[in-house]
Amino acid sequence: MTAIRTLLAFDFGEVRIGVAVGNTLTESAEPLTVLDSLPTARRFAAIADLIAQWEPAALVVGRPVHPDGAAHEMTLRCERFSRQLAGRFGLPVHLTDERYSSAQAASDGARADALDAEAAAIILRQYLAQPSP
């Protein structure tokens, strides 16, 4: 039997970071909060608090790409954010395709102040739906 694992997911942005929580048993995810991206020290302090509270087994970060899958400037920033998370918190960090997650959150009727957290939940649901390697 596979252990139930809690995961935190992030929809990284230059202004805000959406956060969601989910687990591998139900393969569900719920929006949790929206953090300010800056200042960096406050961002990581807030993430540290969330990690202490939820005790996730791993972190998931949405990796933005162009519709054709090509990387762009924000892709590199998200990859850097992922490396920072891994280095600071010592947890596995998984990048997953986040194309259209914010658009889907908006079309699902997410409130403007919760849009990024809902996008993080969509990212986590997509990650959980992927076949395990």
Protein backbone atom coordinates (compact mmCIF):
# COMPACT_ATOMS: atom_id res chain seq x y z
CA MET A 1 0.00 0.00 0.00
CA THR A 2 1.30 3.44 -0.94
CA ALA A 3 1.59 5.98 1.84
CA ILE A 4 -0.71 8.98 1.73
CA ARG A 5 1.33 12.06 0.93
CA THR A 6 0.42 15.70 1.39
CA LEU A 7 1.64 18.05 -1.33
CA LEU A 8 1.84 21.83 -1.59
CA ALA A 9 1.65 23.42 -5.02
CA PHE A 10 2.68 26.86 -6.20
CA ASP A 11 1.55 29.07 -9.07
CA PHE A 12 4.58 31.37 -9.15
CA GLY A 13 4.27 34.94 -10.34
CA GLU A 14 6.35 38.07 -10.08
CA VAL A 15 3.69 39.79 -7.95
CA ARG A 16 1.79 36.93 -6.29
CA ILE A 17 2.23 33.22 -5.64
CA GLY A 18 -0.85 31.03 -5.41
CA VAL A 19 -0.62 28.08 -3.03
CA ALA A 20 -2.74 24.93 -2.90
CA VAL A 21 -2.72 21.80 -0.78
CA GLY A 22 -3.68 18.29 -1.77
CA ASN A 23 -2.97 14.64 -1.15
CA THR A 24 -2.23 11.49 -3.04
CA LEU A 25 -5.08 9.46 -1.52
CA THR A 26 -7.96 11.46 -2.95
CA GLU A 27 -5.88 13.05 -5.72
CA SER A 28 -7.64 16.27 -4.86
CA ALA A 29 -6.38 19.79 -4.30
CA GLU A 30 -7.83 22.87 -2.69
CA PRO A 31 -6.76 26.51 -2.97
CA LEU A 32 -4.98 27.57 0.20
CA THR A 33 -3.68 31.14 0.03
CA VAL A 34 -2.01 33.80 -2.07
CA LEU A 35 1.40 35.14 -1.02
CA ASP A 36 3.17 38.30 -2.10
CA SER A 37 6.24 37.48 -4.20
CA LEU A 38 8.25 40.33 -2.74
CA PRO A 39 10.10 40.92 -0.55
CA THR A 40 11.85 37.60 -0.97
CA ALA A 41 12.57 37.12 2.73
CA ARG A 42 8.87 37.49 3.60
CA ARG A 43 7.91 35.14 0.75
CA PHE A 44 10.12 32.34 2.05
CA ALA A 45 9.10 32.96 5.67
CA ALA A 46 5.45 32.52 4.67
CA ILE A 47 6.30 29.36 2.72
CA ALA A 48 8.24 28.03 5.73
CA ASP A 49 5.15 28.58 7.87
CA LEU A 50 2.98 26.67 5.38
CA ILE A 51 5.47 23.80 5.22
CA ALA A 52 5.57 23.61 9.04
CA GLN A 53 1.77 23.59 9.18
CA TRP A 54 1.04 21.08 6.40
CA GLU A 55 4.24 18.95 6.54
CA PRO A 56 4.20 18.11 2.83
CA ALA A 57 6.17 15.19 1.42
CA ALA A 58 6.90 17.17 -1.74
CA LEU A 59 6.28 20.48 -3.48
CA VAL A 60 4.88 21.05 -6.96
CA VAL A 61 5.58 24.16 -9.01
CA GLY A 62 3.73 25.09 -12.17
CA ARG A 63 6.15 25.53 -15.08
CA PRO A 64 4.85 28.04 -17.61
CA VAL A 65 5.67 27.54 -21.27
CA HIS A 66 4.43 28.85 -24.60
CA PRO A 67 1.48 26.96 -26.16
CA ASP A 68 3.97 25.02 -28.31
CA GLY A 69 5.89 23.94 -25.18
CA ALA A 70 8.84 26.29 -25.70
CA ALA A 71 10.36 27.92 -22.64
CA HIS A 72 10.25 31.68 -22.08
CA GLU A 73 11.52 34.15 -19.47
CA MET A 74 8.95 33.18 -16.83
CA THR A 75 9.87 29.51 -17.31
CA LEU A 76 13.39 30.29 -16.14
CA ARG A 77 12.11 32.25 -13.14
CA CYS A 78 9.87 29.36 -12.07
CA GLU A 79 12.72 26.90 -12.45
CA ARG A 80 14.88 29.17 -10.25
CA PHE A 81 12.06 29.38 -7.68
CA SER A 82 11.88 25.56 -7.70
CA ARG A 83 15.61 25.25 -7.05
CA GLN A 84 15.31 27.78 -4.20
CA LEU A 85 12.49 25.77 -2.62
CA ALA A 86 14.51 22.56 -2.84
CA GLY A 87 17.60 24.20 -1.41
CA ARG A 88 15.85 26.01 1.45
CA PHE A 89 13.45 23.29 2.55
CA GLY A 90 15.14 20.02 1.54
CA LEU A 91 11.97 18.65 -0.03
CA PRO A 92 11.55 17.11 -3.46
CA VAL A 93 10.22 19.70 -5.92
CA HIS A 94 8.38 18.63 -9.05
CA LEU A 95 7.82 20.94 -12.00
CA THR A 96 4.65 20.39 -13.98
CA ASP A 97 3.13 22.03 -17.03
CA GLU A 98 0.87 24.89 -15.99
CA ARG A 99 -0.38 26.02 -19.38
CA TYR A 100 -3.82 27.61 -19.14
CA SER A 101 -4.21 27.07 -15.38
CA SER A 102 -4.89 30.76 -14.69
CA ALA A 103 -7.27 31.00 -17.65
CA GLN A 104 -9.08 27.89 -16.42
CA ALA A 105 -9.32 29.32 -12.89
CA ALA A 106 -10.83 32.52 -14.29
CA SER A 107 -13.31 30.63 -16.46
CA ASP A 108 -14.27 28.51 -13.43
CA GLY A 109 -15.34 31.73 -11.73
CA ALA A 110 -12.53 32.13 -9.21
CA ARG A 111 -12.61 35.47 -7.39
CA ALA A 112 -9.89 37.88 -8.47
CA ASP A 113 -8.24 37.76 -5.03
CA ALA A 114 -8.19 33.94 -5.09
CA LEU A 115 -7.32 33.39 -8.76
CA ASP A 116 -3.68 32.45 -8.14
CA ALA A 117 -4.55 29.97 -5.37
CA GLU A 118 -7.18 28.36 -7.60
CA ALA A 119 -4.60 28.15 -10.41
CA ALA A 120 -2.24 26.39 -7.95
CA ALA A 121 -5.01 23.90 -7.15
CA ILE A 122 -5.52 23.23 -10.87
CA ILE A 123 -1.76 22.72 -11.28
CA LEU A 124 -1.76 20.23 -8.39
CA ARG A 125 -4.77 18.34 -9.73
CA GLN A 126 -3.05 18.04 -13.11
CA TYR A 127 0.12 16.79 -11.42
CA LEU A 128 -1.82 14.23 -9.38
CA ALA A 129 -3.64 13.00 -12.50
CA GLN A 130 -0.38 12.15 -14.28
CA PRO A 131 0.60 8.49 -14.36
CA SER A 132 3.27 7.65 -11.79
CA PRO A 133 6.69 6.87 -13.29
